[in-house]
Protein backbone atom coordinates (compact mmCIF):
# COMPACT_ATOMS: atom_id res chain seq x y z
CA MET A 1 0.02 -0.03 -0.01
CA THR A 2 1.40 3.39 -0.95
CA SER A 3 1.32 6.26 1.50
CA ILE A 4 -0.39 9.61 1.03
CA GLU A 5 3.01 11.26 0.75
CA THR A 6 4.12 9.04 -2.17
CA VAL A 7 0.87 9.71 -3.93
CA ALA A 8 1.06 13.36 -3.21
CA THR A 9 4.64 13.38 -4.67
CA PHE A 10 3.54 11.67 -7.85
CA VAL A 11 0.55 13.98 -8.42
CA GLY A 12 2.81 17.01 -7.59
CA TRP A 13 5.21 16.00 -10.35
CA CYS A 14 2.30 15.40 -12.65
CA SER A 15 1.06 18.85 -11.91
CA THR A 16 4.47 20.40 -12.60
CA ILE A 17 4.88 18.62 -15.87
CA ASN A 18 1.35 19.60 -17.01
CA ILE A 19 1.92 23.33 -16.06
CA GLY A 20 5.22 23.18 -17.99
CA ILE A 21 3.56 21.87 -21.06
CA LEU A 22 0.85 24.54 -20.67
CA LEU A 23 3.34 27.28 -20.57
CA THR A 24 5.13 25.74 -23.65
CA HIS A 25 1.96 25.72 -25.54
CA LEU A 26 1.12 29.20 -24.64
CA LEU A 27 4.46 30.49 -25.96
CA ARG A 28 4.16 28.14 -29.07
CA GLY A 29 0.78 29.81 -29.85
CA ILE A 30 2.62 32.86 -31.29
CA VAL A 31 4.55 30.73 -33.87
CA VAL A 32 1.49 28.59 -34.78
CA ARG A 33 -0.65 31.62 -35.36
CA LYS A 34 1.80 33.03 -37.87
CA LEU A 35 2.35 29.69 -39.53
CA ALA A 36 -1.21 28.87 -39.94
CA GLU A 37 -1.92 32.29 -41.65
CA ARG A 38 0.71 31.67 -44.17
CA VAL A 39 0.23 27.98 -44.91
CA PHE A 40 -3.57 27.41 -44.38
CA GLY A 41 -4.87 30.87 -45.39
CA VAL A 42 -6.94 31.29 -42.22
CA THR A 43 -7.35 34.65 -40.46
CA THR A 44 -5.64 35.56 -37.20
CA ASP A 45 -8.83 35.67 -35.33
CA GLU A 46 -9.81 32.12 -36.31
CA VAL A 47 -6.46 30.73 -35.29
CA LYS A 48 -6.61 32.69 -32.15
CA ALA A 49 -10.05 31.48 -31.20
CA ALA A 50 -9.22 27.85 -31.98
CA TYR A 51 -5.98 27.94 -30.05
CA MET A 52 -7.39 29.70 -27.08
CA ASN A 53 -10.10 27.09 -26.92
CA VAL A 54 -7.66 24.21 -26.81
CA PHE A 55 -5.53 26.20 -24.36
CA MET A 56 -8.42 26.84 -21.96
CA GLN A 57 -9.68 23.12 -22.10
CA TYR A 58 -6.06 21.88 -21.24
CA ARG A 59 -5.88 24.48 -18.43
CA ASN A 60 -9.28 23.31 -16.93
CA ALA A 61 -8.20 19.67 -17.27
CA THR A 62 -4.85 20.37 -15.63
CA LEU A 63 -6.42 22.18 -12.70
CA VAL A 64 -9.26 19.55 -12.13
CA LEU A 65 -7.17 16.29 -12.69
CA SER A 66 -3.76 17.34 -11.35
CA VAL A 67 -3.63 20.51 -9.16
CA THR A 68 -6.76 19.92 -7.12
CA PRO A 69 -5.90 16.28 -6.17
CA TYR A 70 -2.48 17.50 -5.15
CA ILE A 71 -4.04 20.14 -2.86
CA ALA A 72 -6.39 17.61 -1.39
CA LEU A 73 -3.64 15.15 -0.78
CA ARG A 74 -1.48 17.75 0.83
CA ILE A 75 -4.23 18.66 3.16
CA MET A 76 -5.01 15.06 4.12
CA ALA A 77 -1.27 14.49 4.78
CA TRP A 78 -1.12 17.47 7.08
């Protein structure tokens, strides 16, 4: 049986990795926007709306599935 501390450490690292991916995707959005304009011929507003939709969904999933369990486990281990 694993302890609460072990699970909290695991979920904490998952949260750290997910937040890193989230920040990387946010920075990468600038490059994707300019590339999509040239290659696919879509407007900046369309790319921005689609990219922000994906960003918001990933952010919400990270908060619900990684950060919230980490906080709950830390409270339980306290």
